[in-house]
Structures are given as structure tokens and as C-alpha cells.
């Protein structure tokens, strides 16, 4: 009842062979990639391909913000 035994296999169940599971997964991933290529135009594909190499300016100012109290200042 709570996972104590194996489930009976139905005729449409997925294979348990590791090689066939890997083949099914790679086929599924290829289908996803083909669908993404059809959905996106050339510019969007190029942007996704080179997104890891995009330059970002360094963060300015550090962690402290203007509304933070300064350490060591008397609020008096």
C-alpha cells in the first residue's frame, strides 16, 4: 500500500533498462532543442548561446546604502 512492493506493470509502462532510459532521455532532449530552435529566431538563439560571455559592469557602492546608519555615529 505504501510502496512496500513493486507495482504491477501495465502494457504502456516505461522500460527499466538503463540503456533504453538513457536513449529515451536523449531523444526527449533533442526534441526539446528542436522545438526551441523553431520557436526562437536567429538573434534570440545567438543571445542565448553567448549569454555566459556577456559583460556586466561591476556593482557600485558596496553593501552599505544611504539609509543605513553609519557605524560609530551617535544618533543624538
C-alpha atoms as a PDB file:
ATOM      1  CA  UNK A   1       0.000   0.000   0.000  1.00  0.00           C
ATOM      2  CA  UNK A   2       2.756   2.479   0.905  1.00  0.00           C
ATOM      3  CA  UNK A   3       5.454   1.374  -1.516  1.00  0.00           C
ATOM      4  CA  UNK A   4       6.141  -1.956   0.136  1.00  0.00           C
ATOM      5  CA  UNK A   5       6.116  -3.913  -3.092  1.00  0.00           C
ATOM      6  CA  UNK A   6       6.537  -3.477  -6.771  1.00  0.00           C
ATOM      7  CA  UNK A   7       3.724  -2.047  -8.805  1.00  0.00           C
ATOM      8  CA  UNK A   8       2.209  -4.297 -11.430  1.00  0.00           C
ATOM      9  CA  UNK A   9       3.494  -3.339 -14.856  1.00  0.00           C
ATOM     10  CA  UNK A  10       0.978  -2.072 -17.321  1.00  0.00           C
ATOM     11  CA  UNK A  11       1.432  -2.664 -21.061  1.00  0.00           C
ATOM     12  CA  UNK A  12       2.335   1.003 -21.646  1.00  0.00           C
ATOM     13  CA  UNK A  13       4.811   1.276 -18.786  1.00  0.00           C
ATOM     14  CA  UNK A  14       8.254   2.769 -19.250  1.00  0.00           C
ATOM     15  CA  UNK A  15      11.250   0.464 -19.752  1.00  0.00           C
ATOM     16  CA  UNK A  16      13.542  -0.260 -16.823  1.00  0.00           C
ATOM     17  CA  UNK A  17      16.656  -0.963 -18.898  1.00  0.00           C
ATOM     18  CA  UNK A  18      19.216   1.814 -18.163  1.00  0.00           C
ATOM     19  CA  UNK A  19      20.353   1.953 -21.799  1.00  0.00           C
ATOM     20  CA  UNK A  20      16.825   2.421 -23.107  1.00  0.00           C
ATOM     21  CA  UNK A  21      16.081   5.020 -20.421  1.00  0.00           C
ATOM     22  CA  UNK A  22      19.184   6.998 -21.449  1.00  0.00           C
ATOM     23  CA  UNK A  23      18.197   6.722 -25.122  1.00  0.00           C
ATOM     24  CA  UNK A  24      14.669   7.941 -24.338  1.00  0.00           C
ATOM     25  CA  UNK A  25      16.026  10.879 -22.329  1.00  0.00           C
ATOM     26  CA  UNK A  26      18.445  11.935 -25.058  1.00  0.00           C
ATOM     27  CA  UNK A  27      15.666  11.688 -27.666  1.00  0.00           C
ATOM     28  CA  UNK A  28      13.429  13.842 -25.460  1.00  0.00           C
ATOM     29  CA  UNK A  29      16.186  16.441 -25.004  1.00  0.00           C
ATOM     30  CA  UNK A  30      16.776  16.564 -28.764  1.00  0.00           C
ATOM     31  CA  UNK A  31      13.057  17.112 -29.320  1.00  0.00           C
ATOM     32  CA  UNK A  32      13.150  19.992 -26.831  1.00  0.00           C
ATOM     33  CA  UNK A  33      16.134  21.567 -28.584  1.00  0.00           C
ATOM     34  CA  UNK A  34      14.465  21.256 -31.997  1.00  0.00           C
ATOM     35  CA  UNK A  35      11.316  22.869 -30.651  1.00  0.00           C
ATOM     36  CA  UNK A  36      13.358  25.712 -29.163  1.00  0.00           C
ATOM     37  CA  UNK A  37      15.111  26.295 -32.489  1.00  0.00           C
ATOM     38  CA  UNK A  38      11.769  26.500 -34.273  1.00  0.00           C
ATOM     39  CA  UNK A  39      10.375  28.867 -31.651  1.00  0.00           C
ATOM     40  CA  UNK A  40      13.290  31.312 -31.466  1.00  0.00           C
ATOM     41  CA  UNK A  41      14.654  33.481 -34.233  1.00  0.00           C
ATOM     42  CA  UNK A  42      18.366  33.724 -35.052  1.00  0.00           C
ATOM     43  CA  UNK A  43      19.006  36.751 -32.821  1.00  0.00           C
ATOM     44  CA  UNK A  44      17.427  35.131 -29.754  1.00  0.00           C
ATOM     45  CA  UNK A  45      19.384  31.912 -30.343  1.00  0.00           C
ATOM     46  CA  UNK A  46      22.630  33.881 -30.570  1.00  0.00           C
ATOM     47  CA  UNK A  47      21.833  35.783 -27.382  1.00  0.00           C
ATOM     48  CA  UNK A  48      21.193  32.542 -25.504  1.00  0.00           C
ATOM     49  CA  UNK A  49      24.353  30.957 -26.882  1.00  0.00           C
ATOM     50  CA  UNK A  50      26.600  33.800 -25.759  1.00  0.00           C
ATOM     51  CA  UNK A  51      24.793  34.784 -22.543  1.00  0.00           C
ATOM     52  CA  UNK A  52      27.556  33.272 -20.389  1.00  0.00           C
ATOM     53  CA  UNK A  53      30.108  35.577 -22.020  1.00  0.00           C
ATOM     54  CA  UNK A  54      28.098  38.784 -21.555  1.00  0.00           C
ATOM     55  CA  UNK A  55      29.886  41.610 -19.771  1.00  0.00           C
ATOM     56  CA  UNK A  56      28.252  43.074 -16.688  1.00  0.00           C
ATOM     57  CA  UNK A  57      29.511  46.285 -15.122  1.00  0.00           C
ATOM     58  CA  UNK A  58      30.871  45.966 -11.577  1.00  0.00           C
ATOM     59  CA  UNK A  59      28.441  46.652  -8.767  1.00  0.00           C
ATOM     60  CA  UNK A  60      28.790  50.147  -7.377  1.00  0.00           C
ATOM     61  CA  UNK A  61      28.771  51.305  -3.793  1.00  0.00           C
ATOM     62  CA  UNK A  62      29.244  48.046  -1.936  1.00  0.00           C
ATOM     63  CA  UNK A  63      26.843  46.699   0.649  1.00  0.00           C
ATOM     64  CA  UNK A  64      26.129  49.935   2.554  1.00  0.00           C
ATOM     65  CA  UNK A  65      23.143  52.032   1.462  1.00  0.00           C
ATOM     66  CA  UNK A  66      22.289  55.692   2.072  1.00  0.00           C
ATOM     67  CA  UNK A  67      19.574  54.994   4.609  1.00  0.00           C
ATOM     68  CA  UNK A  68      21.815  52.712   6.711  1.00  0.00           C
ATOM     69  CA  UNK A  69      23.145  54.144   9.947  1.00  0.00           C
ATOM     70  CA  UNK A  70      26.855  54.731   9.956  1.00  0.00           C
ATOM     71  CA  UNK A  71      28.842  52.624  12.371  1.00  0.00           C
ATOM     72  CA  UNK A  72      30.222  54.698  15.230  1.00  0.00           C
ATOM     73  CA  UNK A  73      27.983  57.752  14.679  1.00  0.00           C
ATOM     74  CA  UNK A  74      25.936  58.947  17.669  1.00  0.00           C
ATOM     75  CA  UNK A  75      22.272  59.483  16.738  1.00  0.00           C
ATOM     76  CA  UNK A  76      21.993  62.290  19.231  1.00  0.00           C
END
